[in-house]
Amino acid sequence: MRAGQPIASMLLLLLAGAVRGQFEGDDRRYRCIALEDLPAELAAAPNALLLDFRSVGEFNDTAAWAGLNIGRLKGAIHIGHKELPHRLAGLGVDRDRPIIVYCSHSQRSRRASNALVDSGFTHVINLNAGLSRYWLERDRLGQVSDLIERAQRYGILNAVELCTLLSAGPVSLVDVRPDTLLDLEHRPERVWAMGRVNGAVHIPRADLPGRMQELPHDRPIVLFDEGGSDAPRAADLLLDNGFTDVHVLFDGLSGLMELPPDRFPCRAPTWTATAPYSVLPPTGLDTAAISAGRWTVIDVRGRQQYDERGPNGPRAMNRFRGAVHIPAEELMARINELPTDRGRPVLLVGDMTGGPVLDAARSLTDRGFTHVHTLSGGIWGLRWAVHNLPGYGAWRSWLMDP
């Protein structure tokens, strides 16, 4: 930073453009810590400033996308993207004061961390994985519980906690997705991939006001949807009408289908697959067989994504080691390039889990391939996990530079 340049003008300039090297500053320009390390960090630096870099709605548990209403860290101050330059300048924050930055998934917080460092702050700490990780792994992050506060009244459950609740006694499971999403004739492929929760009753959120009498008051109620936004609104409606033990499934069915076995221990009795292919987390891959060439791995991203080109310029994405590139829209025309053995395992890798990669998986199974899998989270998800989650560092070797 040039000598004498105001904090506000410098930060505004830095936040205005996209940062290509999303993780390049990790433990080089700013320090990264895991959520379980936060209590010790705060004990060692009681004067640390907790900076919440989410939207105002997320900070106050009033976001329009209700699945993002996951509470906040106690004592945190909220400074949004556009406010960061002016608010910090107005607060008169000492540039050597520890600043711990967080958001929901540690994407926005990295942008803020880079901007703070470039403005002369010397002790910037990014909270890896963001606040969402607490709810995904709350069952093993008890040391953090006292640091979280929420404004919402309903409970939030991850898959492990759902299994614990189901083992304790009767539970009412309610699918609040709209009828149009589940129509068998027009059902999107992503809905087939999400499967179904066994024993759940289907009451669309829009129909809930007239069908609440179908739900019991003497047991916990767990609501779920596609991605976590409808269920919280349905929970509020039940709580407003006398129900007291109401919970939502964090991230809905889209999150459930992507979990490794240890994070969904009651998968077999609770969830049924409705697609002829599977969505595998990285830990579910037979990496030895892939390395030995016994799997066919296909990167189905479009040419611009694969070649790092796009409307917003270059992207710092990676490629999956050993994958051949056949864009999803070309796969059927080039199916003769695949092994003739239709029983050979095929792994499809996309940008993320949904969209073209699932359609491609369906196309292959429709043509007789019997062991088709997609990579949970795709390249983006694997790359995110490597940089955010403890225990995923070894997967870095599977991410190759373009």
Protein backbone atom coordinates (compact mmCIF):
# COMPACT_ATOMS: atom_id res chain seq x y z
CA MET A 1 0.00 0.00 0.00
CA ARG A 2 1.27 3.44 -0.86
CA ALA A 3 2.28 5.52 2.13
CA GLY A 4 -0.58 7.65 3.36
CA GLN A 5 -3.24 6.02 1.16
CA PRO A 6 -6.56 5.88 3.09
CA ILE A 7 -7.84 2.47 4.18
CA ALA A 8 -11.27 3.09 2.66
CA SER A 9 -10.10 3.88 -0.87
CA MET A 10 -7.62 0.99 -0.97
CA LEU A 11 -10.09 -1.62 0.27
CA LEU A 12 -12.77 -0.47 -2.14
CA LEU A 13 -10.36 -0.89 -5.03
CA LEU A 14 -9.32 -4.35 -3.92
CA LEU A 15 -12.83 -5.65 -3.38
CA ALA A 16 -14.12 -4.35 -6.70
CA GLY A 17 -12.43 -7.06 -8.78
CA ALA A 18 -12.51 -10.84 -8.64
CA VAL A 19 -9.52 -12.62 -7.17
CA ARG A 20 -8.34 -15.38 -9.49
CA GLY A 21 -6.15 -17.17 -6.99
CA GLN A 22 -8.90 -17.91 -4.50
CA PHE A 23 -6.76 -19.81 -2.02
CA GLU A 24 -3.35 -18.37 -2.85
CA GLY A 25 -3.27 -16.22 0.27
CA ASP A 26 -3.89 -19.11 2.68
CA ASP A 27 -1.21 -19.21 5.41
CA ARG A 28 0.91 -16.91 3.31
CA ARG A 29 -0.84 -13.54 3.34
CA TYR A 30 -3.23 -14.37 6.18
CA ARG A 31 -3.51 -17.29 8.56
CA CYS A 32 -6.22 -19.96 8.30
CA ILE A 33 -7.67 -21.83 11.25
CA ALA A 34 -10.22 -24.62 11.58
CA LEU A 35 -13.44 -24.06 13.48
CA GLU A 36 -12.38 -26.36 16.31
CA ASP A 37 -9.35 -24.13 16.88
CA LEU A 38 -11.42 -20.99 17.33
CA PRO A 39 -11.93 -21.25 21.13
CA ALA A 40 -8.17 -21.51 21.72
CA GLU A 41 -7.53 -18.65 19.30
CA LEU A 42 -9.96 -16.40 21.17
CA ALA A 43 -8.47 -17.38 24.51
CA ALA A 44 -4.99 -16.50 23.28
CA ALA A 45 -6.14 -13.19 21.76
CA PRO A 46 -9.12 -11.91 23.79
CA ASN A 47 -8.93 -8.56 22.00
CA ALA A 48 -9.48 -10.17 18.58
CA LEU A 49 -12.11 -8.56 16.38
CA LEU A 50 -14.65 -11.07 15.01
CA LEU A 51 -15.72 -9.85 11.58
CA ASP A 52 -18.83 -11.37 9.97
CA PHE A 53 -18.59 -10.81 6.22
CA ARG A 54 -22.01 -12.20 5.22
CA SER A 55 -25.11 -10.29 4.21
CA VAL A 56 -27.14 -8.31 6.74
CA GLY A 57 -29.90 -10.91 6.46
CA GLU A 58 -27.56 -13.80 7.19
CA PHE A 59 -26.10 -11.96 10.18
CA ASN A 60 -29.58 -11.31 11.61
CA ASP A 61 -31.06 -14.72 10.65
CA THR A 62 -33.48 -13.01 8.26
CA ALA A 63 -31.95 -13.87 4.87
CA ALA A 64 -34.35 -14.45 1.99
CA TRP A 65 -32.68 -17.84 1.40
CA ALA A 66 -33.72 -19.27 4.74
CA GLY A 67 -31.13 -22.02 4.61
CA LEU A 68 -28.48 -19.37 5.26
CA ASN A 69 -30.04 -18.36 8.58
CA ILE A 70 -27.55 -20.34 10.68
CA GLY A 71 -26.78 -17.91 13.48
CA ARG A 72 -23.58 -16.02 14.11
CA LEU A 73 -20.55 -15.93 16.37
CA LYS A 74 -21.18 -14.15 19.65
CA GLY A 75 -19.58 -10.74 19.80
CA ALA A 76 -19.03 -10.52 16.05
CA ILE A 77 -19.58 -7.27 14.20
CA HIS A 78 -21.13 -7.28 10.76
CA ILE A 79 -19.48 -5.49 7.87
CA GLY A 80 -20.78 -6.23 4.39
CA HIS A 81 -18.88 -6.30 1.12
CA LYS A 82 -19.64 -2.74 0.10
CA GLU A 83 -19.27 -1.41 3.65
CA LEU A 84 -15.89 -2.88 4.51
CA PRO A 85 -13.67 0.01 3.40
CA HIS A 86 -15.66 2.73 5.13
CA ARG A 87 -16.66 0.85 8.27
CA LEU A 88 -13.13 -0.24 9.18
CA ALA A 89 -11.80 3.23 8.56
CA GLY A 90 -14.52 4.61 10.82
CA LEU A 91 -13.88 2.08 13.58
CA GLY A 92 -10.27 3.16 13.87
CA VAL A 93 -9.12 -0.45 14.16
CA ASP A 94 -5.46 -0.86 15.07
CA ARG A 95 -3.76 -2.49 12.10
CA ASP A 96 -1.92 -4.90 14.40
CA ARG A 97 -5.09 -6.05 16.16
CA PRO A 98 -6.06 -9.67 15.40
CA ILE A 99 -9.04 -9.80 13.04
CA ILE A 100 -10.85 -13.14 12.58
CA VAL A 101 -12.95 -13.08 9.41
CA TYR A 102 -15.75 -15.54 8.67
CA CYS A 103 -18.74 -16.04 6.38
CA SER A 104 -20.91 -19.06 5.56
CA HIS A 105 -18.46 -21.16 3.52
CA SER A 106 -15.18 -19.20 3.68
CA GLN A 107 -15.38 -17.83 0.17
CA ARG A 108 -16.28 -14.22 0.94
CA SER A 109 -14.08 -14.20 4.02
CA ARG A 110 -11.02 -14.92 1.90
CA ARG A 111 -11.80 -11.93 -0.27
CA ALA A 112 -12.07 -9.79 2.84
CA SER A 113 -8.86 -11.25 4.28
CA ASN A 114 -6.92 -10.43 1.13
CA ALA A 115 -8.28 -6.89 1.14
CA LEU A 116 -7.39 -6.35 4.79
CA VAL A 117 -3.84 -7.58 4.29
CA ASP A 118 -3.39 -5.38 1.25
CA SER A 119 -4.51 -2.44 3.36
CA GLY A 120 -1.83 -2.96 5.96
CA PHE A 121 -3.50 -5.14 8.58
CA THR A 122 -0.89 -7.51 9.92
CA HIS A 123 -2.81 -10.12 11.93
CA VAL A 124 -5.67 -11.38 9.73
CA ILE A 125 -7.14 -14.83 10.34
CA ASN A 126 -9.57 -16.62 8.03
CA LEU A 127 -12.01 -19.15 9.54
CA ASN A 128 -11.87 -22.12 7.21
CA ALA A 129 -15.15 -23.62 5.90
CA GLY A 130 -17.19 -20.83 7.51
CA LEU A 131 -20.11 -21.15 9.87
CA SER A 132 -21.84 -23.81 7.76
CA ARG A 133 -19.32 -26.40 8.94
CA TYR A 134 -20.58 -26.07 12.50
CA TRP A 135 -24.03 -27.32 11.50
CA LEU A 136 -22.66 -30.03 9.21
CA GLU A 137 -20.48 -31.40 12.02
CA ARG A 138 -22.04 -30.05 15.21
CA ASP A 139 -22.08 -33.54 16.74
CA ARG A 140 -18.26 -33.43 16.90
CA LEU A 141 -17.75 -29.69 17.36
CA GLY A 142 -19.20 -29.33 20.85
CA GLN A 143 -16.31 -27.07 21.91
CA VAL A 144 -17.71 -24.38 19.61
CA SER A 145 -21.36 -24.52 20.73
CA ASP A 146 -21.05 -21.78 23.33
CA LEU A 147 -19.72 -19.39 20.66
CA ILE A 148 -22.86 -19.61 18.46
CA GLU A 149 -26.06 -17.61 18.88
CA ARG A 150 -29.25 -17.81 16.81
CA ALA A 151 -32.46 -15.87 16.41
CA GLN A 152 -34.49 -18.71 14.89
CA ARG A 153 -36.64 -21.00 17.03
CA TYR A 154 -36.46 -24.28 15.11
CA GLY A 155 -33.68 -26.79 15.52
CA ILE A 156 -31.12 -27.58 12.85
CA LEU A 157 -30.00 -31.19 12.40
CA ASN A 158 -27.20 -32.73 10.40
CA ALA A 159 -27.40 -36.33 9.20
CA VAL A 160 -25.63 -37.80 12.23
CA GLU A 161 -27.99 -35.98 14.57
CA LEU A 162 -30.95 -37.13 12.48
CA CYS A 163 -29.83 -40.73 12.91
CA THR A 164 -29.49 -40.22 16.67
CA LEU A 165 -32.98 -38.73 16.84
CA LEU A 166 -34.49 -41.58 14.82
CA SER A 167 -32.90 -44.16 17.11
CA ALA A 168 -34.38 -42.48 20.20
CA GLY A 169 -38.06 -42.93 19.32
CA PRO A 170 -40.82 -42.01 16.88
CA VAL A 171 -40.11 -39.05 14.59
CA SER A 172 -42.33 -37.44 11.97
CA LEU A 173 -40.38 -36.88 8.75
CA VAL A 174 -41.96 -34.34 6.40
CA ASP A 175 -40.92 -33.65 2.82
CA VAL A 176 -42.02 -30.08 2.03
CA ARG A 177 -40.85 -29.92 -1.59
CA PRO A 178 -43.44 -28.69 -4.11
CA ASP A 179 -45.54 -31.19 -6.09
CA THR A 180 -44.17 -29.83 -9.36
CA LEU A 181 -40.64 -30.83 -8.38
CA LEU A 182 -41.66 -34.44 -7.75
CA ASP A 183 -43.84 -34.96 -10.82
CA LEU A 184 -42.64 -38.29 -12.23
CA GLU A 185 -43.00 -37.23 -15.86
CA HIS A 186 -41.11 -33.94 -15.54
CA ARG A 187 -38.86 -34.59 -12.55
CA PRO A 188 -35.42 -32.93 -12.96
CA GLU A 189 -32.47 -35.30 -12.90
CA ARG A 190 -31.12 -33.72 -9.71
CA VAL A 191 -34.30 -34.82 -7.91
CA TRP A 192 -33.78 -38.43 -8.98
CA ALA A 193 -30.21 -38.20 -7.68
CA MET A 194 -31.41 -36.94 -4.27
CA GLY A 195 -33.42 -40.10 -3.65
CA ARG A 196 -36.09 -40.25 -0.98
CA VAL A 197 -36.31 -40.44 2.80
CA ASN A 198 -38.07 -43.63 3.86
CA GLY A 199 -41.26 -43.21 5.86
CA ALA A 200 -41.56 -39.48 5.16
CA VAL A 201 -44.92 -37.89 4.45
CA HIS A 202 -45.06 -35.42 1.58
CA ILE A 203 -46.74 -32.11 2.41
CA PRO A 204 -45.64 -29.25 0.14
CA ARG A 205 -44.92 -26.08 2.08
CA ALA A 206 -47.70 -24.29 0.21
CA ASP A 207 -50.20 -26.93 1.42
CA LEU A 208 -49.03 -27.01 5.02
CA PRO A 209 -51.55 -24.46 6.42
CA GLY A 210 -54.43 -26.74 5.46
CA ARG A 211 -52.77 -30.03 6.41
CA MET A 212 -51.17 -29.38 9.79
CA GLN A 213 -53.79 -31.58 11.43
CA GLU A 214 -52.06 -34.58 9.81
CA LEU A 215 -48.98 -34.03 11.98
CA PRO A 216 -48.71 -35.25 15.59
CA HIS A 217 -47.79 -33.02 18.51
CA ASP A 218 -46.28 -35.82 20.62
CA ARG A 219 -43.01 -36.39 18.77
CA PRO A 220 -40.23 -34.45 17.04
CA ILE A 221 -40.95 -33.22 13.53
CA VAL A 222 -38.09 -33.05 11.02
CA LEU A 223 -38.74 -31.07 7.85
CA PHE A 224 -36.60 -31.35 4.75
CA ASP A 225 -36.57 -29.98 1.22
CA GLU A 226 -34.26 -29.85 -1.77
CA GLY A 227 -31.58 -27.46 -0.58
CA GLY A 228 -32.55 -26.05 2.81
CA SER A 229 -34.70 -23.00 2.07
CA ASP A 230 -38.34 -24.19 2.19
CA ALA A 231 -38.02 -26.29 5.35
CA PRO A 232 -37.13 -23.35 7.66
CA ARG A 233 -40.21 -21.43 6.47
CA ALA A 234 -42.36 -24.49 7.05
CA ALA A 235 -40.84 -24.82 10.53
CA ASP A 236 -41.78 -21.24 11.38
CA LEU A 237 -45.34 -21.95 10.32
CA LEU A 238 -45.59 -25.00 12.58
CA LEU A 239 -44.07 -23.16 15.53
CA ASP A 240 -46.56 -20.33 15.04
CA ASN A 241 -49.36 -22.90 15.27
CA GLY A 242 -48.51 -24.65 18.51
CA PHE A 243 -45.91 -27.23 17.49
CA THR A 244 -42.91 -27.13 19.80
CA ASP A 245 -40.39 -29.82 18.77
CA VAL A 246 -39.60 -28.79 15.20
CA HIS A 247 -36.32 -29.26 13.30
CA VAL A 248 -34.99 -28.83 9.77
CA LEU A 249 -32.43 -30.97 7.96
CA PHE A 250 -29.41 -28.82 7.18
CA ASP A 251 -28.80 -28.48 3.42
CA GLY A 252 -31.82 -30.69 2.68
CA LEU A 253 -31.65 -33.72 0.43
CA SER A 254 -28.99 -32.17 -1.80
CA GLY A 255 -26.61 -32.25 1.15
CA LEU A 256 -27.74 -35.69 2.30
CA MET A 257 -26.94 -37.44 -0.98
CA GLU A 258 -23.33 -36.21 -0.97
CA LEU A 259 -22.30 -37.38 2.50
CA PRO A 260 -19.66 -40.03 3.18
CA PRO A 261 -20.87 -43.10 5.11
CA ASP A 262 -19.51 -41.97 8.47
CA ARG A 263 -21.53 -38.76 8.25
CA PHE A 264 -24.78 -40.60 7.50
CA PRO A 265 -24.59 -43.79 9.60
CA CYS A 266 -28.27 -44.69 9.17
CA ARG A 267 -28.27 -44.25 5.39
CA ALA A 268 -29.42 -47.80 4.59
CA PRO A 269 -32.70 -47.76 6.57
CA THR A 270 -33.34 -44.04 6.12
CA TRP A 271 -32.58 -43.15 2.50
CA THR A 272 -33.37 -44.91 -0.77
CA ALA A 273 -31.64 -44.16 -4.06
CA THR A 274 -33.98 -43.45 -6.97
CA ALA A 275 -31.34 -42.97 -9.68
CA PRO A 276 -29.49 -45.81 -11.48
CA TYR A 277 -26.13 -44.15 -10.77
CA SER A 278 -24.50 -43.01 -7.53
CA VAL A 279 -23.07 -39.77 -6.20
CA LEU A 280 -19.78 -40.62 -4.49
CA PRO A 281 -17.88 -38.43 -2.03
CA PRO A 282 -14.10 -38.42 -2.49
CA THR A 283 -13.73 -40.87 0.41
CA GLY A 284 -15.99 -43.32 -1.44
CA LEU A 285 -13.72 -43.56 -4.47
CA ASP A 286 -11.56 -46.60 -5.07
CA THR A 287 -8.44 -44.55 -5.70
CA ALA A 288 -6.23 -47.62 -6.03
CA ALA A 289 -8.44 -48.94 -8.84
CA ILE A 290 -8.55 -45.51 -10.49
CA SER A 291 -4.76 -45.21 -10.33
CA ALA A 292 -4.42 -48.70 -11.79
CA GLY A 293 -6.61 -47.73 -14.74
CA ARG A 294 -9.53 -50.00 -13.81
CA TRP A 295 -12.00 -47.08 -13.83
CA THR A 296 -12.87 -44.79 -16.71
CA VAL A 297 -12.80 -41.19 -15.48
CA ILE A 298 -14.39 -38.50 -17.66
CA ASP A 299 -14.38 -34.77 -17.09
CA VAL A 300 -17.69 -33.63 -18.61
CA ARG A 301 -17.24 -29.88 -18.15
CA GLY A 302 -17.69 -27.63 -21.14
CA ARG A 303 -14.67 -26.60 -23.17
CA GLN A 304 -14.53 -23.09 -21.72
CA GLN A 305 -14.60 -24.42 -18.15
CA TYR A 306 -12.03 -27.09 -18.90
CA ASP A 307 -9.70 -24.69 -20.71
CA GLU A 308 -10.04 -22.00 -18.02
CA ARG A 309 -11.86 -19.53 -20.24
CA GLY A 310 -15.13 -17.76 -19.57
CA PRO A 311 -17.05 -14.49 -19.76
CA ASN A 312 -15.33 -13.23 -16.62
CA GLY A 313 -11.82 -14.15 -17.67
CA PRO A 314 -9.56 -17.00 -16.47
CA ARG A 315 -10.71 -19.17 -13.57
CA ALA A 316 -8.42 -20.84 -11.07
CA MET A 317 -10.02 -24.29 -11.43
CA ASN A 318 -8.25 -27.63 -11.68
CA ARG A 319 -8.54 -30.95 -13.44
CA PHE A 320 -9.00 -34.39 -11.93
CA ARG A 321 -5.92 -36.56 -12.29
CA GLY A 322 -6.31 -39.26 -14.93
CA ALA A 323 -9.57 -37.95 -16.39
CA VAL A 324 -10.19 -37.69 -20.11
CA HIS A 325 -12.15 -34.69 -21.31
CA ILE A 326 -15.44 -35.30 -23.12
CA PRO A 327 -17.94 -32.45 -22.66
CA ALA A 328 -21.37 -33.63 -21.53
CA GLU A 329 -23.01 -32.34 -24.70
CA GLU A 330 -20.63 -34.48 -26.80
CA LEU A 331 -20.71 -37.64 -24.70
CA MET A 332 -23.38 -39.55 -26.62
CA ALA A 333 -21.82 -38.69 -29.98
CA ARG A 334 -18.47 -39.96 -28.72
CA ILE A 335 -19.70 -42.97 -26.78
CA ASN A 336 -17.59 -45.25 -28.98
CA GLU A 337 -14.53 -43.78 -27.23
CA LEU A 338 -15.61 -45.44 -23.99
CA PRO A 339 -14.66 -49.04 -23.13
CA THR A 340 -16.92 -51.66 -24.67
CA ASP A 341 -17.27 -53.34 -21.26
CA ARG A 342 -20.47 -51.74 -19.94
CA GLY A 343 -19.77 -53.17 -16.48
CA ARG A 344 -16.53 -51.22 -16.06
CA PRO A 345 -16.85 -48.46 -13.42
CA VAL A 346 -17.24 -44.97 -14.88
CA LEU A 347 -16.67 -41.80 -12.85
CA LEU A 348 -18.06 -38.54 -14.24
CA VAL A 349 -16.52 -35.33 -12.94
CA GLY A 350 -18.17 -31.96 -13.40
CA ASP A 351 -17.78 -28.46 -12.04
CA MET A 352 -20.21 -29.27 -9.21
CA THR A 353 -22.63 -32.13 -8.57
CA GLY A 354 -25.72 -31.00 -10.45
CA GLY A 355 -26.62 -30.07 -13.98
CA PRO A 356 -24.90 -31.69 -16.96
CA VAL A 357 -22.95 -34.28 -14.99
CA LEU A 358 -26.16 -35.92 -13.70
CA ASP A 359 -27.78 -35.84 -17.13
CA ALA A 360 -24.66 -37.47 -18.53
CA ALA A 361 -24.81 -40.18 -15.87
CA ARG A 362 -28.43 -40.91 -16.78
CA SER A 363 -27.54 -41.10 -20.48
CA LEU A 364 -24.85 -43.68 -19.81
CA THR A 365 -27.08 -45.88 -17.65
CA ASP A 366 -29.81 -45.65 -20.29
CA ARG A 367 -27.29 -47.15 -22.72
CA GLY A 368 -26.41 -50.09 -20.54
CA PHE A 369 -23.54 -48.89 -18.37
CA THR A 370 -24.13 -50.51 -14.99
CA HIS A 371 -21.58 -48.89 -12.67
CA VAL A 372 -21.81 -45.15 -13.22
CA HIS A 373 -20.80 -42.67 -10.54
CA THR A 374 -20.48 -38.91 -10.25
CA LEU A 375 -18.03 -37.11 -8.00
CA SER A 376 -19.83 -35.39 -5.14
CA GLY A 377 -19.21 -31.66 -5.30
CA GLY A 378 -17.25 -31.99 -8.52
CA ILE A 379 -13.94 -30.25 -9.07
CA TRP A 380 -15.13 -27.16 -7.21
CA GLY A 381 -16.20 -29.16 -4.16
CA LEU A 382 -13.00 -31.22 -4.00
CA ARG A 383 -10.88 -28.11 -4.32
CA TRP A 384 -12.91 -26.39 -1.60
CA ALA A 385 -12.58 -29.39 0.73
CA VAL A 386 -8.80 -29.61 0.23
CA HIS A 387 -8.42 -26.00 1.37
CA ASN A 388 -11.07 -25.93 4.09
CA LEU A 389 -11.61 -29.27 5.78
CA PRO A 390 -9.23 -31.12 8.11
CA GLY A 391 -8.18 -34.48 6.70
CA TYR A 392 -8.60 -33.61 3.01
CA GLY A 393 -5.06 -32.43 2.32
CA ALA A 394 -4.09 -35.73 0.69
CA TRP A 395 -6.65 -35.13 -2.04
CA ARG A 396 -4.58 -32.23 -3.32
CA SER A 397 -2.61 -34.70 -5.43
CA TRP A 398 -5.77 -35.51 -7.41
CA LEU A 399 -6.19 -31.89 -8.47
CA MET A 400 -3.99 -31.07 -11.42
CA ASP A 401 -3.21 -27.64 -12.84
CA PRO A 402 -4.67 -26.94 -16.31
